[in-house]
Amino acid sequence: MSPKSKTPPTSARTAGSARASTPSRRPPAVAAAGASGIDIAARLPLLGGLSPAQFMKRHWQKQPLLVRQALPGVRSPIDRAGLARLAASEEVESRLVSQQGGGQWSLRQGPIAKLPAWSKAQWTLLVQGLDLHVDAARELLDRFRFVPEARLDDLMLSYASEGGGVGPHFDSYDVFLIQVGGRRHWRIGRLGVSTSGTLREDVPLKVLADFEPEQDFVLEPGDMLYLPPGWAHDGVAVGGDCMTASVGFRSPWRSDLANELLVRLTDDEEAPRGDRMYVDPRQPATGEPGRIPDALTAFAREAVLKAVATPLALERALGEALTEPKPRVFFEPGEALPAGQGARLSDRTRMMYDAAHVFINGQSFRAGGRDATLMRRMADARALSAAEVARLSEGARELLDQWTEDGWILPA
């Protein structure tokens, strides 16, 4: 490797309705699980008897799905006291939302040193990226790795007191809402049908000004609701100690992604040394000094097109951007991986690959042969066994040691 290179409720089966899960009567499909440990052809209770392949074809980005007892016996990855401690940390992204009288709302960004009394009604604590700090949260998130890692974002946990919520709103990305404690009443509806999408201007949250739900249901512990982008929803705690885990997904805007990639493409340390400055020996005197010369515009266009056209440059820039850790993510340095041990990715590490590269935490490496096969397996399974580590080449093994010293990889 080289661097840089219970019974389902009755629900209408009409277009736009949240379909309740219906167990299949057919025998289970026979298929082998991939490196991720998820058999995408096997019907899962998590998806109401659908296989991941069926779910992605029928529901993903298309229509909601309500699954009763998707995760029977599920418990919150962390208790409320532990959640409060995380919210007080500067390393954790948190928010406190409170509903005031007269339909008003307040929003406080973390760190949050002191929370309202647990018995006080109508407040919600949101802690983002719980999977970065709690192993059980990462394990819950990993259940959804039948969606590409490049789209998977994080697991957020919401704690709400009686009547707590964040108001009716819609997201521009997919979300799985898993009830892991207490009960929550959800009301949902399509954008353009249940709401115009207009937001209130008198509150610090993105709360819809109008919302007439098409469907509503109460989720009990173990129940799950999937919503595609553009479905308005409003969840209110029924009783106290309501905890909802949200599996969120990355969905970059084209303009944002283009900006990120252009920065990386033009900042390539290994760009060919044939770079040149703009020169204009034929520039005539001008009576319009404010006008940008056509030749300079052409020079700029050529520079961008050349950067994009460089073999594998776009692929490298994309992989590095997709694996770049978030700003608040830090790693604890370690020591080289001991001989005879397996390795696993830190919960904070993002690792992906394409046909020519392996990407990890914003860095890219060219890989081929057995090393590429093993590193791709690590990205899929988030781990390598001791036997697999032993099969790495000397160079790849040294790289693994470096990643372990950086805290990106942990002994397994």
Protein backbone atom coordinates (compact mmCIF):
# COMPACT_ATOMS: atom_id res chain seq x y z
CA MET A 1 0.00 0.00 0.00
CA SER A 2 1.20 3.48 -0.74
CA PRO A 3 -0.08 6.84 0.53
CA LYS A 4 -2.10 9.26 -1.58
CA SER A 5 -2.93 7.40 -4.32
CA LYS A 6 -46.11 -7.13 18.50
CA THR A 7 -48.87 -7.14 15.96
CA PRO A 8 -48.65 -4.59 13.33
CA PRO A 9 -51.36 -1.91 13.39
CA THR A 10 -53.79 -1.60 10.52
CA SER A 11 -52.68 1.02 8.05
CA ALA A 12 -53.83 2.13 4.62
CA ARG A 13 -51.81 0.61 1.78
CA THR A 14 -52.05 3.72 -0.36
CA ALA A 15 -49.23 5.70 -1.82
CA GLY A 16 -47.74 7.99 0.76
CA SER A 17 -48.80 6.04 3.86
CA ALA A 18 -46.44 4.59 6.43
CA ARG A 19 -46.60 0.89 5.80
CA ALA A 20 -46.77 -1.25 8.91
CA SER A 21 -44.57 -4.31 8.91
CA THR A 22 -46.10 -7.63 7.84
CA PRO A 23 -44.09 -10.80 8.51
CA SER A 24 -43.45 -12.88 5.40
CA ARG A 25 -44.84 -16.43 5.17
CA ARG A 26 -42.24 -17.56 2.67
CA PRO A 27 -39.20 -19.55 3.82
CA PRO A 28 -36.17 -17.38 4.47
CA ALA A 29 -33.82 -16.77 1.60
CA VAL A 30 -30.49 -18.54 1.71
CA ALA A 31 -27.61 -16.12 1.34
CA ALA A 32 -24.27 -15.49 2.91
CA ALA A 33 -23.62 -12.43 5.04
CA GLY A 34 -21.08 -10.01 3.68
CA ALA A 35 -18.03 -8.78 5.51
CA SER A 36 -20.25 -6.37 7.45
CA GLY A 37 -22.00 -9.37 9.04
CA ILE A 38 -25.36 -8.35 7.52
CA ASP A 39 -27.04 -10.71 5.06
CA ILE A 40 -28.76 -8.27 2.72
CA ALA A 41 -31.03 -11.04 1.34
CA ALA A 42 -32.22 -12.30 4.74
CA ARG A 43 -35.52 -11.02 6.15
CA LEU A 44 -34.92 -9.16 9.39
CA PRO A 45 -37.20 -8.30 12.35
CA LEU A 46 -35.42 -4.94 12.32
CA LEU A 47 -37.10 -4.17 8.99
CA GLY A 48 -40.45 -5.80 9.75
CA GLY A 49 -39.69 -9.03 7.92
CA LEU A 50 -38.15 -7.33 4.90
CA SER A 51 -34.62 -8.05 3.83
CA PRO A 52 -32.27 -5.07 3.52
CA ALA A 53 -32.43 -5.51 -0.27
CA GLN A 54 -36.23 -5.37 -0.20
CA PHE A 55 -36.26 -2.38 2.12
CA MET A 56 -33.89 -0.41 -0.05
CA LYS A 57 -35.97 -1.15 -3.16
CA ARG A 58 -39.42 -0.48 -1.65
CA HIS A 59 -38.90 2.16 1.02
CA TRP A 60 -35.52 3.89 0.91
CA GLN A 61 -36.09 7.49 -0.19
CA LYS A 62 -39.64 6.50 -1.22
CA GLN A 63 -42.08 5.85 1.63
CA PRO A 64 -42.16 5.51 5.43
CA LEU A 65 -42.13 2.23 7.27
CA LEU A 66 -43.43 1.57 10.79
CA VAL A 67 -42.02 -1.54 12.45
CA ARG A 68 -43.48 -2.75 15.72
CA GLN A 69 -40.85 -4.45 17.89
CA ALA A 70 -38.05 -4.02 15.43
CA LEU A 71 -35.69 -4.36 18.38
CA PRO A 72 -37.53 -6.22 21.15
CA GLY A 73 -35.99 -5.71 24.55
CA VAL A 74 -33.85 -2.84 23.36
CA ARG A 75 -32.31 -0.61 25.99
CA SER A 76 -30.91 2.87 25.66
CA PRO A 77 -27.17 2.87 24.90
CA ILE A 78 -26.73 5.19 27.90
CA ASP A 79 -28.81 6.22 30.91
CA ARG A 80 -30.02 9.77 31.47
CA ALA A 81 -27.29 10.58 33.98
CA GLY A 82 -24.59 9.51 31.53
CA LEU A 83 -26.29 11.51 28.79
CA ALA A 84 -26.26 14.58 31.02
CA ARG A 85 -22.52 14.15 31.61
CA LEU A 86 -21.87 13.99 27.89
CA ALA A 87 -23.99 17.10 27.29
CA ALA A 88 -21.76 19.01 29.70
CA SER A 89 -18.63 18.18 27.70
CA GLU A 90 -17.12 20.58 25.19
CA GLU A 91 -16.19 17.59 23.00
CA VAL A 92 -19.84 16.62 22.48
CA GLU A 93 -22.42 18.38 20.31
CA SER A 94 -25.58 18.89 22.35
CA ARG A 95 -28.70 21.08 22.41
CA LEU A 96 -31.42 21.81 24.96
CA VAL A 97 -34.87 22.63 23.59
CA SER A 98 -37.65 23.90 25.86
CA GLN A 99 -41.23 24.76 25.00
CA GLN A 100 -42.54 27.91 26.61
CA GLY A 101 -46.08 29.17 27.03
CA GLY A 102 -47.87 30.65 24.05
CA GLY A 103 -46.29 28.27 21.55
CA GLN A 104 -42.80 29.69 22.00
CA TRP A 105 -39.55 27.76 22.08
CA SER A 106 -36.06 28.27 23.45
CA LEU A 107 -32.83 26.71 22.22
CA ARG A 108 -29.54 26.43 24.08
CA GLN A 109 -26.39 25.06 22.49
CA GLY A 110 -24.02 22.89 24.54
CA PRO A 111 -22.03 22.37 26.55
CA ILE A 112 -24.91 22.30 29.01
CA ALA A 113 -23.69 22.26 32.60
CA LYS A 114 -27.10 22.07 34.25
CA LEU A 115 -30.30 20.52 32.92
CA PRO A 116 -33.86 21.29 34.03
CA ALA A 117 -35.33 19.06 36.74
CA TRP A 118 -36.19 15.61 35.36
CA SER A 119 -39.76 16.18 36.61
CA LYS A 120 -40.18 19.45 34.72
CA ALA A 121 -42.33 19.06 31.60
CA GLN A 122 -41.72 20.04 27.98
CA TRP A 123 -37.97 19.98 27.53
CA THR A 124 -35.70 17.87 25.32
CA LEU A 125 -31.98 17.15 25.37
CA LEU A 126 -30.38 16.19 22.06
CA VAL A 127 -26.91 14.64 21.98
CA GLN A 128 -25.37 14.21 18.55
CA GLY A 129 -22.76 11.62 17.58
CA LEU A 130 -23.39 9.30 20.52
CA ASP A 131 -21.69 6.52 18.53
CA LEU A 132 -18.39 8.39 18.90
CA HIS A 133 -18.50 8.12 22.69
CA VAL A 134 -20.52 5.01 23.62
CA ASP A 135 -19.74 1.53 22.27
CA ALA A 136 -23.39 0.41 22.57
CA ALA A 137 -24.43 3.34 20.39
CA ARG A 138 -21.92 2.33 17.73
CA GLU A 139 -23.26 -1.23 17.86
CA LEU A 140 -26.80 0.07 17.30
CA LEU A 141 -25.66 2.22 14.40
CA ASP A 142 -23.85 -0.73 12.82
CA ARG A 143 -27.18 -2.56 12.41
CA PHE A 144 -27.88 -0.14 9.56
CA ARG A 145 -24.69 -0.72 7.59
CA PHE A 146 -26.68 -2.20 4.72
CA VAL A 147 -26.61 1.44 3.61
CA PRO A 148 -23.20 2.58 2.29
CA GLU A 149 -20.86 3.93 4.94
CA ALA A 150 -20.49 7.04 2.80
CA ARG A 151 -24.15 7.86 3.54
CA LEU A 152 -24.24 6.81 7.19
CA ASP A 153 -23.75 9.77 9.53
CA ASP A 154 -24.33 9.24 13.25
CA LEU A 155 -26.63 8.16 16.05
CA MET A 156 -28.33 10.95 17.97
CA LEU A 157 -30.11 10.37 21.27
CA SER A 158 -33.05 12.47 22.38
CA TYR A 159 -34.18 12.56 26.01
CA ALA A 160 -37.54 14.23 26.62
CA SER A 161 -39.62 14.92 29.70
CA GLU A 162 -43.44 14.78 29.63
CA GLY A 163 -44.67 16.65 26.55
CA GLY A 164 -41.16 17.30 25.31
CA GLY A 165 -40.34 17.58 21.61
CA VAL A 166 -38.77 19.88 19.05
CA GLY A 167 -41.91 20.83 17.15
CA PRO A 168 -43.18 19.81 13.71
CA HIS A 169 -40.36 19.87 11.16
CA PHE A 170 -38.92 17.99 8.21
CA ASP A 171 -35.44 16.77 7.40
CA SER A 172 -33.61 16.76 4.10
CA TYR A 173 -32.17 13.31 4.85
CA ASP A 174 -33.43 9.81 5.75
CA VAL A 175 -33.88 8.89 9.40
CA PHE A 176 -34.66 5.79 11.46
CA LEU A 177 -36.38 6.72 14.75
CA ILE A 178 -35.95 3.98 17.34
CA GLN A 179 -37.78 4.14 20.65
CA VAL A 180 -35.31 2.92 23.27
CA GLY A 181 -37.12 4.12 26.42
CA GLY A 182 -40.52 5.53 27.35
CA ARG A 183 -43.14 6.36 24.74
CA ARG A 184 -43.43 8.97 21.99
CA HIS A 185 -46.44 10.08 19.94
CA TRP A 186 -45.50 10.67 16.31
CA ARG A 187 -47.52 12.57 13.73
CA ILE A 188 -46.30 12.50 10.14
CA GLY A 189 -47.25 13.85 6.73
CA ARG A 190 -45.86 14.62 3.30
CA LEU A 191 -44.34 17.92 2.41
CA GLY A 192 -46.79 19.64 0.06
CA VAL A 193 -49.74 17.69 1.50
CA SER A 194 -49.54 18.08 5.27
CA THR A 195 -47.54 21.28 5.18
CA SER A 196 -46.47 24.00 2.81
CA GLY A 197 -42.97 23.80 4.26
CA THR A 198 -43.08 27.39 5.50
CA LEU A 199 -41.11 27.86 8.71
CA ARG A 200 -41.99 30.09 11.64
CA GLU A 201 -39.79 33.16 11.87
CA ASP A 202 -40.45 33.92 15.56
CA VAL A 203 -38.68 30.88 17.08
CA PRO A 204 -35.01 29.76 17.13
CA LEU A 205 -35.87 26.32 15.72
CA LYS A 206 -36.92 25.17 12.25
CA VAL A 207 -40.57 24.70 13.26
CA LEU A 208 -43.24 24.45 10.57
CA ALA A 209 -45.81 27.24 10.49
CA ASP A 210 -48.54 24.84 9.29
CA PHE A 211 -48.89 21.10 9.81
CA GLU A 212 -51.91 18.81 9.39
CA PRO A 213 -50.68 15.24 9.86
CA GLU A 214 -51.82 12.38 7.66
CA GLN A 215 -50.97 9.64 10.16
CA ASP A 216 -50.10 9.26 13.82
CA PHE A 217 -48.99 6.49 16.15
CA VAL A 218 -47.38 5.96 19.53
CA LEU A 219 -44.04 4.19 19.61
CA GLU A 220 -43.22 1.88 22.51
CA PRO A 221 -39.71 0.67 23.41
CA GLY A 222 -38.44 -1.50 20.56
CA ASP A 223 -40.62 0.13 17.88
CA MET A 224 -39.05 1.94 14.92
CA LEU A 225 -40.21 4.42 12.31
CA TYR A 226 -38.33 5.08 9.07
CA LEU A 227 -38.96 8.38 7.28
CA PRO A 228 -37.59 9.39 3.88
CA PRO A 229 -36.49 12.97 3.20
CA GLY A 230 -39.28 15.54 3.03
CA TRP A 231 -41.70 13.81 5.39
CA ALA A 232 -42.77 16.26 8.09
CA HIS A 233 -42.90 14.81 11.56
CA ASP A 234 -43.65 15.86 15.13
CA GLY A 235 -42.74 13.62 18.07
CA VAL A 236 -43.99 14.37 21.57
CA ALA A 237 -43.05 12.43 24.71
CA VAL A 238 -45.91 10.58 26.38
CA GLY A 239 -44.88 10.50 30.01
CA GLY A 240 -41.36 11.17 31.21
CA ASP A 241 -38.04 9.45 30.54
CA CYS A 242 -38.70 9.27 26.81
CA MET A 243 -35.58 8.29 24.86
CA THR A 244 -35.43 8.07 21.08
CA ALA A 245 -32.37 7.10 19.06
CA SER A 246 -32.14 8.61 15.60
CA VAL A 247 -29.98 7.07 12.90
CA GLY A 248 -29.15 9.91 10.55
CA PHE A 249 -27.58 9.95 7.12
CA ARG A 250 -25.29 12.24 5.18
CA SER A 251 -26.76 13.81 2.08
CA PRO A 252 -24.41 16.48 0.71
CA TRP A 253 -25.65 19.33 -1.41
CA ARG A 254 -24.06 19.29 -4.85
CA SER A 255 -22.62 22.79 -4.48
CA ASP A 256 -21.09 22.00 -1.08
CA LEU A 257 -19.54 18.79 -2.39
CA ALA A 258 -18.16 20.55 -5.46
CA ASN A 259 -16.58 23.22 -3.27
CA GLU A 260 -14.96 20.63 -1.00
CA LEU A 261 -13.63 18.61 -3.90
CA LEU A 262 -12.22 21.60 -5.75
CA VAL A 263 -10.30 22.67 -2.66
CA ARG A 264 -8.80 19.20 -2.35
CA LEU A 265 -8.10 18.86 -6.07
CA THR A 266 -6.17 22.12 -6.16
CA ASP A 267 -4.30 21.35 -2.94
CA ASP A 268 -2.80 18.05 -4.04
CA GLU A 269 0.74 17.74 -2.75
CA GLU A 270 1.55 15.32 -5.55
CA ALA A 271 0.21 17.43 -8.40
CA PRO A 272 2.45 17.34 -11.47
CA ARG A 273 5.24 19.89 -11.35
CA GLY A 274 4.12 21.27 -14.71
CA ASP A 275 2.17 23.96 -12.86
CA ARG A 276 2.56 27.49 -14.15
CA MET A 277 1.63 31.04 -13.26
CA TYR A 278 -0.66 33.17 -15.36
CA VAL A 279 1.24 35.39 -17.79
CA ASP A 280 -0.08 37.92 -20.28
CA PRO A 281 2.68 39.30 -22.50
CA ARG A 282 0.07 40.29 -25.12
CA GLN A 283 -2.20 42.17 -22.73
CA PRO A 284 -2.88 45.57 -24.34
CA ALA A 285 -3.49 48.78 -22.47
CA THR A 286 -7.11 48.99 -21.35
CA GLY A 287 -9.58 51.78 -20.78
CA GLU A 288 -11.73 49.37 -18.72
CA PRO A 289 -9.46 48.33 -15.83
CA GLY A 290 -12.38 46.82 -13.86
CA ARG A 291 -13.07 44.20 -16.54
CA ILE A 292 -11.65 40.71 -15.94
CA PRO A 293 -9.55 39.70 -18.96
CA ASP A 294 -11.01 36.90 -21.07
CA ALA A 295 -7.60 35.23 -21.09
CA LEU A 296 -7.57 35.05 -17.28
CA THR A 297 -11.05 33.49 -17.27
CA ALA A 298 -9.87 30.89 -19.79
CA PHE A 299 -6.76 30.23 -17.68
CA ALA A 300 -8.92 29.63 -14.60
CA ARG A 301 -11.27 27.30 -16.51
CA GLU A 302 -8.35 25.30 -17.86
CA ALA A 303 -6.86 24.98 -14.35
CA VAL A 304 -10.07 23.56 -12.89
CA LEU A 305 -10.70 21.19 -15.80
CA LYS A 306 -7.13 19.93 -15.68
CA ALA A 307 -7.39 19.23 -11.95
CA VAL A 308 -10.61 17.25 -12.45
CA ALA A 309 -9.22 15.39 -15.45
CA THR A 310 -6.11 14.14 -13.65
CA PRO A 311 -6.43 10.32 -13.40
CA LEU A 312 -7.99 9.21 -10.08
CA ALA A 313 -7.78 12.76 -8.68
CA LEU A 314 -11.56 13.15 -8.29
CA GLU A 315 -11.89 9.69 -6.77
CA ARG A 316 -9.10 10.43 -4.31
CA ALA A 317 -10.56 13.80 -3.31
CA LEU A 318 -14.04 12.31 -2.82
CA GLY A 319 -12.81 9.47 -0.62
CA GLU A 320 -10.74 11.82 1.50
CA ALA A 321 -13.68 14.20 1.93
CA LEU A 322 -16.10 11.41 2.86
CA THR A 323 -13.78 10.01 5.54
CA GLU A 324 -12.68 13.33 7.03
CA PRO A 325 -13.48 13.28 10.78
CA LYS A 326 -15.85 15.93 12.10
CA PRO A 327 -14.30 18.97 13.83
CA ARG A 328 -14.96 17.75 17.39
CA VAL A 329 -13.49 14.28 16.80
CA PHE A 330 -10.20 13.54 18.56
CA PHE A 331 -8.15 10.35 18.90
CA GLU A 332 -6.18 9.06 21.88
CA PRO A 333 -2.65 8.03 20.82
CA GLY A 334 -1.74 4.39 21.39
CA GLU A 335 1.10 1.97 20.78
CA ALA A 336 1.93 -0.24 17.84
CA LEU A 337 -0.35 -3.25 17.39
CA PRO A 338 1.04 -6.17 19.43
CA ALA A 339 2.10 -9.24 17.48
CA GLY A 340 -0.52 -11.96 17.20
CA GLN A 341 -3.49 -9.66 17.80
CA GLY A 342 -6.39 -8.67 15.64
CA ALA A 343 -7.36 -5.08 14.97
CA ARG A 344 -10.58 -3.09 14.98
CA LEU A 345 -11.45 0.42 13.95
CA SER A 346 -11.94 3.01 16.65
CA ASP A 347 -15.60 4.04 16.92
CA ARG A 348 -14.45 7.44 15.69
CA THR A 349 -12.67 6.17 12.59
CA ARG A 350 -14.23 6.41 9.13
CA MET A 351 -12.80 3.98 6.58
CA MET A 352 -13.91 3.38 2.98
CA TYR A 353 -12.48 2.29 -0.34
CA ASP A 354 -12.92 2.43 -4.10
CA ALA A 355 -11.39 0.41 -6.93
CA ALA A 356 -7.95 1.97 -6.51
CA HIS A 357 -7.72 3.43 -2.99
CA VAL A 358 -8.26 2.82 0.68
CA PHE A 359 -9.40 5.90 2.63
CA ILE A 360 -9.16 6.42 6.37
CA ASN A 361 -9.83 9.58 8.35
CA GLY A 362 -9.27 11.94 5.44
CA GLN A 363 -6.17 10.21 4.05
CA SER A 364 -5.87 8.09 0.92
CA PHE A 365 -3.63 5.15 0.07
CA ARG A 366 -3.14 3.19 -3.14
CA ALA A 367 -3.66 -0.51 -2.58
CA GLY A 368 -3.51 -3.66 -4.67
CA GLY A 369 -3.48 -7.42 -4.37
CA ARG A 370 -3.88 -9.13 -1.01
CA ASP A 371 -3.34 -5.92 0.97
CA ALA A 372 -6.22 -4.25 -0.87
CA THR A 373 -8.48 -7.26 -0.20
CA LEU A 374 -7.68 -7.23 3.51
CA MET A 375 -7.97 -3.48 3.91
CA ARG A 376 -11.32 -3.48 2.12
CA ARG A 377 -12.46 -6.22 4.48
CA MET A 378 -11.44 -4.04 7.41
CA ALA A 379 -13.50 -1.17 6.02
CA ASP A 380 -16.54 -3.46 5.58
CA ALA A 381 -16.23 -5.41 8.83
CA ARG A 382 -14.52 -2.64 10.83
CA ALA A 383 -12.08 -5.29 12.07
CA LEU A 384 -9.47 -7.84 11.04
CA SER A 385 -8.74 -11.10 12.83
CA ALA A 386 -5.25 -11.91 14.05
CA ALA A 387 -4.88 -14.37 11.16
CA GLU A 388 -5.86 -11.68 8.66
CA VAL A 389 -3.44 -9.17 10.17
CA ALA A 390 -0.67 -11.75 9.82
CA ARG A 391 -1.32 -11.94 6.06
CA LEU A 392 -0.58 -8.25 5.49
CA SER A 393 2.61 -7.29 3.72
CA GLU A 394 5.41 -5.68 5.70
CA GLY A 395 4.51 -2.24 4.40
CA ALA A 396 0.82 -2.63 5.15
CA ARG A 397 1.63 -3.98 8.62
CA GLU A 398 3.77 -0.92 9.32
CA LEU A 399 0.89 1.28 8.20
CA LEU A 400 -1.46 -0.58 10.55
CA ASP A 401 0.99 0.03 13.39
CA GLN A 402 1.05 3.73 12.57
CA TRP A 403 -2.75 3.91 12.59
CA THR A 404 -2.77 2.13 15.95
CA GLU A 405 -0.28 4.62 17.36
CA ASP A 406 -2.50 7.43 16.04
CA GLY A 407 -5.50 5.91 17.86
CA TRP A 408 -7.38 5.17 14.65
CA ILE A 409 -7.07 1.40 15.14
CA LEU A 410 -7.39 -0.54 18.41
CA PRO A 411 -6.18 -4.03 19.34
CA ALA A 412 -8.96 -6.62 19.12
